[in-house]
Amino acid sequence: MHFEDFSFGSLRIDGNTYAHDVLIEHGEIRKRKKKPSKKFREDFGHTSLSIEEEIPWGCRRLVVGTGAYGRLPVMKEVKREASRRKIELLILPTIKAIEALKQDPEETNAILHVTC
């Protein structure tokens, strides 16, 4: 997987541009379905990453890119579940999350927020 570019609202991977949040699981890229987390929006002022979303747990390390300015809230239940599953959870601004993904990509899944 080759990360070519990231800027606010846009992520380019392997020649494809994504203008939405993505979920990466075992090298497969798909759109993040954040609808289950929208009900928590008022609590955080932003749609957070909640345990109710599809999270790619089948890995040793999960990288969460929190956006260009690092503002995506990650709910404590997500952190607890990662710990329970013995998955290393890295929560970083998306540009730093991309760098982390380049290290040991075989054992790493990700959720990348492309805006804020």
PDB file of N, CA and C in Angstrom:
ATOM      1  N   MET A   1       0.844  -1.167   0.000  1.00  0.00           N
ATOM      2  CA  MET A   1       0.000   0.000   0.000  1.00  0.00           C
ATOM      3  C   MET A   1       0.893   1.235   0.000  1.00  0.00           C
ATOM      4  N   HIS A   2       0.636   2.113  -0.946  1.00  0.00           N
ATOM      5  CA  HIS A   2       1.462   3.306  -1.090  1.00  0.00           C
ATOM      6  C   HIS A   2       0.619   4.561  -0.841  1.00  0.00           C
ATOM      7  N   PHE A   3       0.969   5.289   0.214  1.00  0.00           N
ATOM      8  CA  PHE A   3       0.295   6.533   0.546  1.00  0.00           C
ATOM      9  C   PHE A   3       0.974   7.651  -0.231  1.00  0.00           C
ATOM     10  N   GLU A   4       0.212   8.309  -1.096  1.00  0.00           N
ATOM     11  CA  GLU A   4       0.795   9.304  -1.979  1.00  0.00           C
ATOM     12  C   GLU A   4       0.590  10.726  -1.505  1.00  0.00           C
ATOM     13  N   ASP A   5      -0.574  11.004  -0.905  1.00  0.00           N
ATOM     14  CA  ASP A   5      -0.850  12.382  -0.526  1.00  0.00           C
ATOM     15  C   ASP A   5      -1.962  12.423   0.517  1.00  0.00           C
ATOM     16  N   PHE A   6      -1.859  13.386   1.413  1.00  0.00           N
ATOM     17  CA  PHE A   6      -2.934  13.666   2.354  1.00  0.00           C
ATOM     18  C   PHE A   6      -3.028  15.167   2.548  1.00  0.00           C
ATOM     19  N   SER A   7      -4.227  15.675   2.423  1.00  0.00           N
ATOM     20  CA  SER A   7      -4.514  17.059   2.755  1.00  0.00           C
ATOM     21  C   SER A   7      -5.940  17.090   3.291  1.00  0.00           C
ATOM     22  N   PHE A   8      -6.319  18.181   3.908  1.00  0.00           N
ATOM     23  CA  PHE A   8      -7.639  18.288   4.504  1.00  0.00           C
ATOM     24  C   PHE A   8      -8.710  17.853   3.498  1.00  0.00           C
ATOM     25  N   GLY A   9      -9.461  16.798   3.837  1.00  0.00           N
ATOM     26  CA  GLY A   9     -10.559  16.324   3.001  1.00  0.00           C
ATOM     27  C   GLY A   9     -10.192  15.372   1.892  1.00  0.00           C
ATOM     28  N   SER A  10      -8.923  14.990   1.784  1.00  0.00           N
ATOM     29  CA  SER A  10      -8.511  14.136   0.672  1.00  0.00           C
ATOM     30  C   SER A  10      -7.310  13.272   1.058  1.00  0.00           C
ATOM     31  N   LEU A  11      -7.399  12.003   0.674  1.00  0.00           N
ATOM     32  CA  LEU A  11      -6.337  11.043   0.940  1.00  0.00           C
ATOM     33  C   LEU A  11      -6.121  10.244  -0.343  1.00  0.00           C
ATOM     34  N   ARG A  12      -4.861  10.111  -0.762  1.00  0.00           N
ATOM     35  CA  ARG A  12      -4.548   9.372  -1.989  1.00  0.00           C
ATOM     36  C   ARG A  12      -3.706   8.151  -1.633  1.00  0.00           C
ATOM     37  N   ILE A  13      -4.245   6.976  -1.998  1.00  0.00           N
ATOM     38  CA  ILE A  13      -3.572   5.704  -1.725  1.00  0.00           C
ATOM     39  C   ILE A  13      -3.572   4.875  -3.006  1.00  0.00           C
ATOM     40  N   ASP A  14      -2.412   4.396  -3.393  1.00  0.00           N
ATOM     41  CA  ASP A  14      -2.281   3.541  -4.580  1.00  0.00           C
ATOM     42  C   ASP A  14      -2.984   4.122  -5.811  1.00  0.00           C
ATOM     43  N   GLY A  15      -2.866   5.442  -5.996  1.00  0.00           N
ATOM     44  CA  GLY A  15      -3.445   6.077  -7.171  1.00  0.00           C
ATOM     45  C   GLY A  15      -4.918   6.420  -7.065  1.00  0.00           C
ATOM     46  N   ASN A  16      -5.565   6.046  -5.972  1.00  0.00           N
ATOM     47  CA  ASN A  16      -6.983   6.345  -5.773  1.00  0.00           C
ATOM     48  C   ASN A  16      -7.139   7.445  -4.736  1.00  0.00           C
ATOM     49  N   THR A  17      -8.010   8.404  -5.033  1.00  0.00           N
ATOM     50  CA  THR A  17      -8.261   9.500  -4.104  1.00  0.00           C
ATOM     51  C   THR A  17      -9.557   9.245  -3.356  1.00  0.00           C
ATOM     52  N   TYR A  18      -9.505   9.427  -2.044  1.00  0.00           N
ATOM     53  CA  TYR A  18     -10.663   9.237  -1.167  1.00  0.00           C
ATOM     54  C   TYR A  18     -10.998  10.573  -0.525  1.00  0.00           C
ATOM     55  N   ALA A  19     -12.244  11.006  -0.688  1.00  0.00           N
ATOM     56  CA  ALA A  19     -12.701  12.265  -0.104  1.00  0.00           C
ATOM     57  C   ALA A  19     -13.611  11.974   1.092  1.00  0.00           C
ATOM     58  N   HIS A  20     -13.393  10.834   1.711  1.00  0.00           N
ATOM     59  CA  HIS A  20     -14.161  10.419   2.883  1.00  0.00           C
ATOM     60  C   HIS A  20     -13.247   9.614   3.797  1.00  0.00           C
ATOM     61  N   ASP A  21     -13.677   9.415   5.030  1.00  0.00           N
ATOM     62  CA  ASP A  21     -12.905   8.602   5.965  1.00  0.00           C
ATOM     63  C   ASP A  21     -12.803   7.185   5.424  1.00  0.00           C
ATOM     64  N   VAL A  22     -11.673   6.538   5.705  1.00  0.00           N
ATOM     65  CA  VAL A  22     -11.472   5.175   5.229  1.00  0.00           C
ATOM     66  C   VAL A  22     -11.137   4.232   6.378  1.00  0.00           C
ATOM     67  N   LEU A  23     -11.448   2.990   6.129  1.00  0.00           N
ATOM     68  CA  LEU A  23     -11.112   1.893   7.023  1.00  0.00           C
ATOM     69  C   LEU A  23     -10.185   0.982   6.220  1.00  0.00           C
ATOM     70  N   ILE A  24      -9.061   0.625   6.777  1.00  0.00           N
ATOM     71  CA  ILE A  24      -8.112  -0.258   6.093  1.00  0.00           C
ATOM     72  C   ILE A  24      -7.996  -1.540   6.913  1.00  0.00           C
ATOM     73  N   GLU A  25      -8.325  -2.643   6.269  1.00  0.00           N
ATOM     74  CA  GLU A  25      -8.276  -3.937   6.947  1.00  0.00           C
ATOM     75  C   GLU A  25      -7.565  -4.936   6.051  1.00  0.00           C
ATOM     76  N   HIS A  26      -6.411  -5.413   6.510  1.00  0.00           N
ATOM     77  CA  HIS A  26      -5.590  -6.372   5.768  1.00  0.00           C
ATOM     78  C   HIS A  26      -5.348  -5.904   4.331  1.00  0.00           C
ATOM     79  N   GLY A  27      -5.049  -4.609   4.170  1.00  0.00           N
ATOM     80  CA  GLY A  27      -4.724  -4.055   2.870  1.00  0.00           C
ATOM     81  C   GLY A  27      -5.927  -3.662   2.026  1.00  0.00           C
ATOM     82  N   GLU A  28      -7.127  -3.981   2.472  1.00  0.00           N
ATOM     83  CA  GLU A  28      -8.347  -3.611   1.741  1.00  0.00           C
ATOM     84  C   GLU A  28      -8.854  -2.276   2.277  1.00  0.00           C
ATOM     85  N   ILE A  29      -9.205  -1.382   1.364  1.00  0.00           N
ATOM     86  CA  ILE A  29      -9.667  -0.045   1.743  1.00  0.00           C
ATOM     87  C   ILE A  29     -11.156   0.059   1.464  1.00  0.00           C
ATOM     88  N   ARG A  30     -11.902   0.558   2.462  1.00  0.00           N
ATOM     89  CA  ARG A  30     -13.318   0.815   2.250  1.00  0.00           C
ATOM     90  C   ARG A  30     -13.749   2.046   3.048  1.00  0.00           C
ATOM     91  N   LYS A  31     -14.901   2.551   2.743  1.00  0.00           N
ATOM     92  CA  LYS A  31     -15.416   3.749   3.389  1.00  0.00           C
ATOM     93  C   LYS A  31     -15.788   3.455   4.843  1.00  0.00           C
ATOM     94  N   ARG A  32     -15.410   4.368   5.727  1.00  0.00           N
ATOM     95  CA  ARG A  32     -15.814   4.264   7.129  1.00  0.00           C
ATOM     96  C   ARG A  32     -17.310   4.566   7.216  1.00  0.00           C
ATOM     97  N   LYS A  33     -18.031   3.681   7.855  1.00  0.00           N
ATOM     98  CA  LYS A  33     -19.466   3.872   8.062  1.00  0.00           C
ATOM     99  C   LYS A  33     -19.659   4.411   9.470  1.00  0.00           C
ATOM    100  N   LYS A  34     -19.762   5.744   9.576  1.00  0.00           N
ATOM    101  CA  LYS A  34     -19.799   6.382  10.886  1.00  0.00           C
ATOM    102  C   LYS A  34     -21.203   6.645  11.417  1.00  0.00           C
ATOM    103  N   LYS A  35     -22.219   6.214  10.685  1.00  0.00           N
ATOM    104  CA  LYS A  35     -23.594   6.454  11.114  1.00  0.00           C
ATOM    105  C   LYS A  35     -23.876   5.970  12.540  1.00  0.00           C
ATOM    106  N   PRO A  36     -23.391   4.790  12.959  1.00  0.00           N
ATOM    107  CA  PRO A  36     -23.666   4.348  14.326  1.00  0.00           C
ATOM    108  C   PRO A  36     -23.115   5.289  15.404  1.00  0.00           C
ATOM    109  N   SER A  37     -22.115   6.093  15.059  1.00  0.00           N
ATOM    110  CA  SER A  37     -21.506   7.015  16.026  1.00  0.00           C
ATOM    111  C   SER A  37     -22.158   8.398  16.029  1.00  0.00           C
ATOM    112  N   LYS A  38     -22.995   8.676  15.056  1.00  0.00           N
ATOM    113  CA  LYS A  38     -23.592  10.017  14.951  1.00  0.00           C
ATOM    114  C   LYS A  38     -24.425  10.388  16.174  1.00  0.00           C
ATOM    115  N   LYS A  39     -24.998   9.397  16.855  1.00  0.00           N
ATOM    116  CA  LYS A  39     -25.826   9.706  18.026  1.00  0.00           C
ATOM    117  C   LYS A  39     -25.012  10.293  19.181  1.00  0.00           C
ATOM    118  N   PHE A  40     -23.692  10.188  19.118  1.00  0.00           N
ATOM    119  CA  PHE A  40     -22.818  10.741  20.162  1.00  0.00           C
ATOM    120  C   PHE A  40     -22.295  12.129  19.806  1.00  0.00           C
ATOM    121  N   ARG A  41     -22.701  12.644  18.668  1.00  0.00           N
ATOM    122  CA  ARG A  41     -22.198  13.922  18.166  1.00  0.00           C
ATOM    123  C   ARG A  41     -22.363  15.062  19.171  1.00  0.00           C
ATOM    124  N   GLU A  42     -23.527  15.159  19.794  1.00  0.00           N
ATOM    125  CA  GLU A  42     -23.771  16.246  20.754  1.00  0.00           C
ATOM    126  C   GLU A  42     -22.833  16.166  21.953  1.00  0.00           C
ATOM    127  N   ASP A  43     -22.478  14.966  22.367  1.00  0.00           N
ATOM    128  CA  ASP A  43     -21.587  14.782  23.520  1.00  0.00           C
ATOM    129  C   ASP A  43     -20.177  15.296  23.245  1.00  0.00           C
ATOM    130  N   PHE A  44     -19.758  15.239  21.983  1.00  0.00           N
ATOM    131  CA  PHE A  44     -18.373  15.569  21.635  1.00  0.00           C
ATOM    132  C   PHE A  44     -18.233  16.789  20.730  1.00  0.00           C
ATOM    133  N   GLY A  45     -19.343  17.277  20.172  1.00  0.00           N
ATOM    134  CA  GLY A  45     -19.266  18.384  19.233  1.00  0.00           C
ATOM    135  C   GLY A  45     -18.775  17.937  17.864  1.00  0.00           C
ATOM    136  N   HIS A  46     -18.683  16.638  17.667  1.00  0.00           N
ATOM    137  CA  HIS A  46     -18.159  16.049  16.438  1.00  0.00           C
ATOM    138  C   HIS A  46     -18.554  14.583  16.477  1.00  0.00           C
ATOM    139  N   THR A  47     -18.755  13.981  15.319  1.00  0.00           N
ATOM    140  CA  THR A  47     -19.026  12.544  15.302  1.00  0.00           C
ATOM    141  C   THR A  47     -17.763  11.815  15.738  1.00  0.00           C
ATOM    142  N   SER A  48     -17.854  11.118  16.838  1.00  0.00           N
ATOM    143  CA  SER A  48     -16.695  10.421  17.402  1.00  0.00           C
ATOM    144  C   SER A  48     -16.507   9.046  16.761  1.00  0.00           C
ATOM    145  N   LEU A  49     -15.448   8.368  17.154  1.00  0.00           N
ATOM    146  CA  LEU A  49     -15.260   6.964  16.816  1.00  0.00           C
ATOM    147  C   LEU A  49     -15.776   6.188  18.012  1.00  0.00           C
ATOM    148  N   SER A  50     -16.856   5.441  17.810  1.00  0.00           N
ATOM    149  CA  SER A  50     -17.455   4.692  18.912  1.00  0.00           C
ATOM    150  C   SER A  50     -17.335   3.191  18.676  1.00  0.00           C
ATOM    151  N   ILE A  51     -17.557   2.454  19.717  1.00  0.00           N
ATOM    152  CA  ILE A  51     -17.508   0.996  19.687  1.00  0.00           C
ATOM    153  C   ILE A  51     -18.629   0.418  18.815  1.00  0.00           C
ATOM    154  N   GLU A  52     -19.627   1.231  18.516  1.00  0.00           N
ATOM    155  CA  GLU A  52     -20.764   0.762  17.725  1.00  0.00           C
ATOM    156  C   GLU A  52     -20.480   0.712  16.231  1.00  0.00           C
ATOM    157  N   GLU A  53     -19.380   1.308  15.812  1.00  0.00           N
ATOM    158  CA  GLU A  53     -18.986   1.239  14.405  1.00  0.00           C
ATOM    159  C   GLU A  53     -18.301  -0.084  14.114  1.00  0.00           C
ATOM    160  N   GLU A  54     -18.168  -0.355  12.827  1.00  0.00           N
ATOM    161  CA  GLU A  54     -17.358  -1.486  12.392  1.00  0.00           C
ATOM    162  C   GLU A  54     -15.895  -1.088  12.593  1.00  0.00           C
ATOM    163  N   ILE A  55     -15.227  -1.781  13.473  1.00  0.00           N
ATOM    164  CA  ILE A  55     -13.818  -1.504  13.749  1.00  0.00           C
ATOM    165  C   ILE A  55     -13.022  -2.744  13.350  1.00  0.00           C
ATOM    166  N   PRO A  56     -11.953  -2.579  12.590  1.00  0.00           N
ATOM    167  CA  PRO A  56     -11.189  -3.734  12.105  1.00  0.00           C
ATOM    168  C   PRO A  56     -10.267  -4.309  13.187  1.00  0.00           C
ATOM    169  N   TRP A  57     -10.851  -5.045  14.123  1.00  0.00           N
ATOM    170  CA  TRP A  57     -10.116  -5.567  15.272  1.00  0.00           C
ATOM    171  C   TRP A  57      -9.145  -6.693  14.928  1.00  0.00           C
ATOM    172  N   GLY A  58      -9.271  -7.318  13.776  1.00  0.00           N
ATOM    173  CA  GLY A  58      -8.443  -8.483  13.455  1.00  0.00           C
ATOM    174  C   GLY A  58      -7.002  -8.121  13.124  1.00  0.00           C
ATOM    175  N   CYS A  59      -6.276  -7.607  14.100  1.00  0.00           N
ATOM    176  CA  CYS A  59      -4.899  -7.167  13.871  1.00  0.00           C
ATOM    177  C   CYS A  59      -4.145  -7.159  15.205  1.00  0.00           C
ATOM    178  N   ARG A  60      -2.859  -6.877  15.130  1.00  0.00           N
ATOM    179  CA  ARG A  60      -2.057  -6.710  16.343  1.00  0.00           C
ATOM    180  C   ARG A  60      -1.951  -5.243  16.735  1.00  0.00           C
ATOM    181  N   ARG A  61      -2.133  -4.372  15.709  1.00  0.00           N
ATOM    182  CA  ARG A  61      -2.027  -2.932  15.936  1.00  0.00           C
ATOM    183  C   ARG A  61      -3.107  -2.230  15.126  1.00  0.00           C
ATOM    184  N   LEU A  62      -3.814  -1.311  15.781  1.00  0.00           N
ATOM    185  CA  LEU A  62      -4.846  -0.520  15.123  1.00  0.00           C
ATOM    186  C   LEU A  62      -4.445   0.940  15.202  1.00  0.00           C
ATOM    187  N   VAL A  63      -4.346   1.574  14.036  1.00  0.00           N
ATOM    188  CA  VAL A  63      -3.973   2.982  13.956  1.00  0.00           C
ATOM    189  C   VAL A  63      -5.238   3.782  13.647  1.00  0.00           C
ATOM    190  N   VAL A  64      -5.490   4.794  14.460  1.00  0.00           N
ATOM    191  CA  VAL A  64      -6.622   5.687  14.227  1.00  0.00           C
ATOM    192  C   VAL A  64      -6.061   7.061  13.889  1.00  0.00           C
ATOM    193  N   GLY A  65      -6.336   7.508  12.666  1.00  0.00           N
ATOM    194  CA  GLY A  65      -5.950   8.852  12.249  1.00  0.00           C
ATOM    195  C   GLY A  65      -7.072   9.804  12.615  1.00  0.00           C
ATOM    196  N   THR A  66      -6.770  10.786  13.426  1.00  0.00           N
ATOM    197  CA  THR A  66      -7.795  11.665  13.989  1.00  0.00           C
ATOM    198  C   THR A  66      -8.029  12.937  13.179  1.00  0.00           C
ATOM    199  N   GLY A  67      -7.570  12.980  11.946  1.00  0.00           N
ATOM    200  CA  GLY A  67      -7.823  14.118  11.072  1.00  0.00           C
ATOM    201  C   GLY A  67      -6.634  15.044  10.932  1.00  0.00           C
ATOM    202  N   ALA A  68      -6.794  16.024  10.073  1.00  0.00           N
ATOM    203  CA  ALA A  68      -5.715  16.972   9.782  1.00  0.00           C
ATOM    204  C   ALA A  68      -5.286  17.739  11.028  1.00  0.00           C
ATOM    205  N   TYR A  69      -6.237  18.035  11.903  1.00  0.00           N
ATOM    206  CA  TYR A  69      -5.933  18.796  13.113  1.00  0.00           C
ATOM    207  C   TYR A  69      -6.081  17.954  14.381  1.00  0.00           C
ATOM    208  N   GLY A  70      -6.261  16.642  14.213  1.00  0.00           N
ATOM    209  CA  GLY A  70      -6.329  15.729  15.352  1.00  0.00           C
ATOM    210  C   GLY A  70      -7.580  15.862  16.198  1.00  0.00           C
ATOM    211  N   ARG A  71      -8.704  16.193  15.595  1.00  0.00           N
ATOM    212  CA  ARG A  71      -9.910  16.489  16.370  1.00  0.00           C
ATOM    213  C   ARG A  71     -10.939  15.370  16.445  1.00  0.00           C
ATOM    214  N   LEU A  72     -10.718  14.245  15.789  1.00  0.00           N
ATOM    215  CA  LEU A  72     -11.681  13.144  15.883  1.00  0.00           C
ATOM    216  C   LEU A  72     -11.627  12.547  17.286  1.00  0.00           C
ATOM    217  N   PRO A  73     -12.723  12.625  18.043  1.00  0.00           N
ATOM    218  CA  PRO A  73     -12.720  12.014  19.374  1.00  0.00           C
ATOM    219  C   PRO A  73     -12.799  10.490  19.267  1.00  0.00           C
ATOM    220  N   VAL A  74     -12.028   9.807  20.074  1.00  0.00           N
ATOM    221  CA  VAL A  74     -12.078   8.347  20.169  1.00  0.00           C
ATOM    222  C   VAL A  74     -12.636   8.033  21.552  1.00  0.00           C
ATOM    223  N   MET A  75     -13.790   7.379  21.574  1.00  0.00           N
ATOM    224  CA  MET A  75     -14.457   7.117  22.843  1.00  0.00           C
ATOM    225  C   MET A  75     -13.669   6.128  23.696  1.00  0.00           C
ATOM    226  N   LYS A  76     -13.783   6.280  25.003  1.00  0.00           N
ATOM    227  CA  LYS A  76     -13.022   5.431  25.934  1.00  0.00           C
ATOM    228  C   LYS A  76     -13.369   3.957  25.785  1.00  0.00           C
ATOM    229  N   GLU A  77     -14.577   3.643  25.326  1.00  0.00           N
ATOM    230  CA  GLU A  77     -14.952   2.242  25.119  1.00  0.00           C
ATOM    231  C   GLU A  77     -14.120   1.596  24.018  1.00  0.00           C
ATOM    232  N   VAL A  78     -13.730   2.373  23.023  1.00  0.00           N
ATOM    233  CA  VAL A  78     -12.866   1.858  21.951  1.00  0.00           C
ATOM    234  C   VAL A  78     -11.493   1.533  22.538  1.00  0.00           C
ATOM    235  N   LYS A  79     -11.000   2.419  23.377  1.00  0.00           N
ATOM    236  CA  LYS A  79      -9.695   2.200  24.011  1.00  0.00           C
ATOM    237  C   LYS A  79      -9.727   0.971  24.912  1.00  0.00           C
ATOM    238  N   ARG A  80     -10.813   0.830  25.668  1.00  0.00           N
ATOM    239  CA  ARG A  80     -10.955  -0.343  26.554  1.00  0.00           C
ATOM    240  C   ARG A  80     -11.015  -1.646  25.759  1.00  0.00           C
ATOM    241  N   GLU A  81     -11.766  -1.632  24.660  1.00  0.00           N
ATOM    242  CA  GLU A  81     -11.899  -2.846  23.849  1.00  0.00           C
ATOM    243  C   GLU A  81     -10.561  -3.230  23.216  1.00  0.00           C
ATOM    244  N   ALA A  82      -9.805  -2.258  22.753  1.00  0.00           N
ATOM    245  CA  ALA A  82      -8.480  -2.552  22.203  1.00  0.00           C
ATOM    246  C   ALA A  82      -7.603  -3.197  23.272  1.00  0.00           C
ATOM    247  N   SER A  83      -7.646  -2.660  24.469  1.00  0.00           N
ATOM    248  CA  SER A  83      -6.860  -3.215  25.572  1.00  0.00           C
ATOM    249  C   SER A  83      -7.314  -4.639  25.899  1.00  0.00           C
ATOM    250  N   ARG A  84      -8.610  -4.845  25.945  1.00  0.00           N
ATOM    251  CA  ARG A  84      -9.161  -6.175  26.243  1.00  0.00           C
ATOM    252  C   ARG A  84      -8.704  -7.201  25.205  1.00  0.00           C
ATOM    253  N   ARG A  85      -8.638  -6.773  23.963  1.00  0.00           N
ATOM    254  CA  ARG A  85      -8.231  -7.661  22.868  1.00  0.00           C
ATOM    255  C   ARG A  85      -6.713  -7.748  22.709  1.00  0.00           C
ATOM    256  N   LYS A  86      -5.991  -6.996  23.532  1.00  0.00           N
ATOM    257  CA  LYS A  86      -4.529  -6.956  23.484  1.00  0.00           C
ATOM    258  C   LYS A  86      -4.030  -6.445  22.127  1.00  0.00           C
ATOM    259  N   ILE A  87      -4.696  -5.408  21.640  1.00  0.00           N
ATOM    260  CA  ILE A  87      -4.322  -4.751  20.390  1.00  0.00           C
ATOM    261  C   ILE A  87      -3.679  -3.418  20.736  1.00  0.00           C
ATOM    262  N   GLU A  88      -2.517  -3.175  20.168  1.00  0.00           N
ATOM    263  CA  GLU A  88      -1.875  -1.876  20.353  1.00  0.00           C
ATOM    264  C   GLU A  88      -2.700  -0.836  19.601  1.00  0.00           C
ATOM    265  N   LEU A  89      -3.134   0.182  20.284  1.00  0.00           N
ATOM    266  CA  LEU A  89      -3.957   1.234  19.687  1.00  0.00           C
ATOM    267  C   LEU A  89      -3.146   2.517  19.611  1.00  0.00           C
ATOM    268  N   LEU A  90      -2.951   3.008  18.392  1.00  0.00           N
ATOM    269  CA  LEU A  90      -2.260   4.278  18.186  1.00  0.00           C
ATOM    270  C   LEU A  90      -3.280   5.294  17.706  1.00  0.00           C
ATOM    271  N   ILE A  91      -3.405   6.396  18.421  1.00  0.00           N
ATOM    272  CA  ILE A  91      -4.332   7.462  18.070  1.00  0.00           C
ATOM    273  C   ILE A  91      -3.493   8.692  17.775  1.00  0.00           C
ATOM    274  N   LEU A  92      -3.462   9.068  16.490  1.00  0.00           N
ATOM    275  CA  LEU A  92      -2.565  10.125  16.025  1.00  0.00           C
ATOM    276  C   LEU A  92      -3.252  11.001  14.983  1.00  0.00           C
ATOM    277  N   PRO A  93      -2.826  12.260  14.842  1.00  0.00           N
ATOM    278  CA  PRO A  93      -3.315  13.031  13.695  1.00  0.00           C
ATOM    279  C   PRO A  93      -3.045  12.219  12.418  1.00  0.00           C
ATOM    280  N   THR A  94      -3.903  12.335  11.443  1.00  0.00           N
ATOM    281  CA  THR A  94      -3.840  11.461  10.263  1.00  0.00           C
ATOM    282  C   THR A  94      -2.483  11.464   9.568  1.00  0.00           C
ATOM    283  N   ILE A  95      -1.822  12.592   9.450  1.00  0.00           N
ATOM    284  CA  ILE A  95      -0.514  12.620   8.775  1.00  0.00           C
ATOM    285  C   ILE A  95       0.496  11.738   9.514  1.00  0.00           C
ATOM    286  N   LYS A  96       0.449  11.731  10.847  1.00  0.00           N
ATOM    287  CA  LYS A  96       1.335  10.873  11.647  1.00  0.00           C
ATOM    288  C   LYS A  96       0.863   9.425  11.621  1.00  0.00           C
ATOM    289  N   ALA A  97      -0.446   9.229  11.538  1.00  0.00           N
ATOM    290  CA  ALA A  97      -0.992   7.869  11.449  1.00  0.00           C
ATOM    291  C   ALA A  97      -0.526   7.192  10.162  1.00  0.00           C
ATOM    292  N   ILE A  98      -0.459   7.949   9.091  1.00  0.00           N
ATOM    293  CA  ILE A  98       0.021   7.406   7.810  1.00  0.00           C
ATOM    294  C   ILE A  98       1.465   6.946   7.949  1.00  0.00           C
ATOM    295  N   GLU A  99       2.281   7.721   8.614  1.00  0.00           N
ATOM    296  CA  GLU A  99       3.676   7.320   8.839  1.00  0.00           C
ATOM    297  C   GLU A  99       3.743   6.043   9.670  1.00  0.00           C
ATOM    298  N   ALA A 100       2.892   5.942  10.694  1.00  0.00           N
ATOM    299  CA  ALA A 100       2.859   4.735  11.540  1.00  0.00           C
ATOM    300  C   ALA A 100       2.415   3.515  10.734  1.00  0.00           C
ATOM    301  N   LEU A 101       1.520   3.717   9.792  1.00  0.00           N
ATOM    302  CA  LEU A 101       1.034   2.613   8.957  1.00  0.00           C
ATOM    303  C   LEU A 101       2.121   2.033   8.066  1.00  0.00           C
ATOM    304  N   LYS A 102       3.087   2.837   7.736  1.00  0.00           N
ATOM    305  CA  LYS A 102       4.183   2.372   6.883  1.00  0.00           C
ATOM    306  C   LYS A 102       5.085   1.385   7.620  1.00  0.00           C
ATOM    307  N   GLN A 103       5.013   1.393   8.936  1.00  0.00           N
ATOM    308  CA  GLN A 103       5.815   0.479   9.752  1.00  0.00           C
ATOM    309  C   GLN A 103       4.964  -0.749  10.068  1.00  0.00           C
ATOM    310  N   ASP A 104       5.410  -1.909   9.688  1.00  0.00           N
ATOM    311  CA  ASP A 104       4.735  -3.173   9.961  1.00  0.00           C
ATOM    312  C   ASP A 104       3.289  -3.189   9.450  1.00  0.00           C
ATOM    313  N   PRO A 105       3.076  -2.883   8.170  1.00  0.00           N
ATOM    314  CA  PRO A 105       1.709  -2.826   7.643  1.00  0.00           C
ATOM    315  C   PRO A 105       0.984  -4.167   7.634  1.00  0.00           C
ATOM    316  N   GLU A 106       1.707  -5.253   7.650  1.00  0.00           N
ATOM    317  CA  GLU A 106       1.084  -6.581   7.616  1.00  0.00           C
ATOM    318  C   GLU A 106       0.229  -6.854   8.852  1.00  0.00           C
ATOM    319  N   GLU A 107       0.635  -6.335   9.982  1.00  0.00           N
ATOM    320  CA  GLU A 107      -0.054  -6.599  11.248  1.00  0.00           C
ATOM    321  C   GLU A 107      -0.921  -5.423  11.708  1.00  0.00           C
ATOM    322  N   THR A 108      -1.139  -4.456  10.813  1.00  0.00           N
ATOM    323  CA  THR A 108      -1.795  -3.206  11.202  1.00  0.00           C
ATOM    324  C   THR A 108      -3.042  -2.933  10.373  1.00  0.00           C
ATOM    325  N   ASN A 109      -4.122  -2.582  11.045  1.00  0.00           N
ATOM    326  CA  ASN A 109      -5.338  -2.090  10.404  1.00  0.00           C
ATOM    327  C   ASN A 109      -5.487  -0.622  10.796  1.00  0.00           C
ATOM    328  N   ALA A 110      -6.406   0.083  10.124  1.00  0.00           N
ATOM    329  CA  ALA A 110      -6.515   1.508  10.399  1.00  0.00           C
ATOM    330  C   ALA A 110      -7.900   2.070  10.130  1.00  0.00           C
ATOM    331  N   ILE A 111      -8.171   3.173  10.790  1.00  0.00           N
ATOM    332  CA  ILE A 111      -9.311   4.032  10.507  1.00  0.00           C
ATOM    333  C   ILE A 111      -8.729   5.423  10.355  1.00  0.00           C
ATOM    334  N   LEU A 112      -8.937   6.042   9.192  1.00  0.00           N
ATOM    335  CA  LEU A 112      -8.345   7.351   8.933  1.00  0.00           C
ATOM    336  C   LEU A 112      -9.418   8.392   8.658  1.00  0.00           C
ATOM    337  N   HIS A 113      -9.420   9.423   9.482  1.00  0.00           N
ATOM    338  CA  HIS A 113     -10.341  10.564   9.334  1.00  0.00           C
ATOM    339  C   HIS A 113      -9.643  11.582   8.436  1.00  0.00           C
ATOM    340  N   VAL A 114     -10.347  12.087   7.423  1.00  0.00           N
ATOM    341  CA  VAL A 114      -9.684  12.946   6.438  1.00  0.00           C
ATOM    342  C   VAL A 114      -9.950  14.433   6.603  1.00  0.00           C
ATOM    343  N   THR A 115     -10.848  14.820   7.501  1.00  0.00           N
ATOM    344  CA  THR A 115     -11.068  16.249   7.712  1.00  0.00           C
ATOM    345  C   THR A 115     -10.542  16.635   9.095  1.00  0.00           C
ATOM    346  N   CYS A 116     -11.136  17.558   9.728  1.00  0.00           N
ATOM    347  CA  CYS A 116     -10.705  18.181  10.996  1.00  0.00           C
ATOM    348  C   CYS A 116      -9.681  17.363  11.747  1.00  0.00           C
TER     349      CYS A 116
END
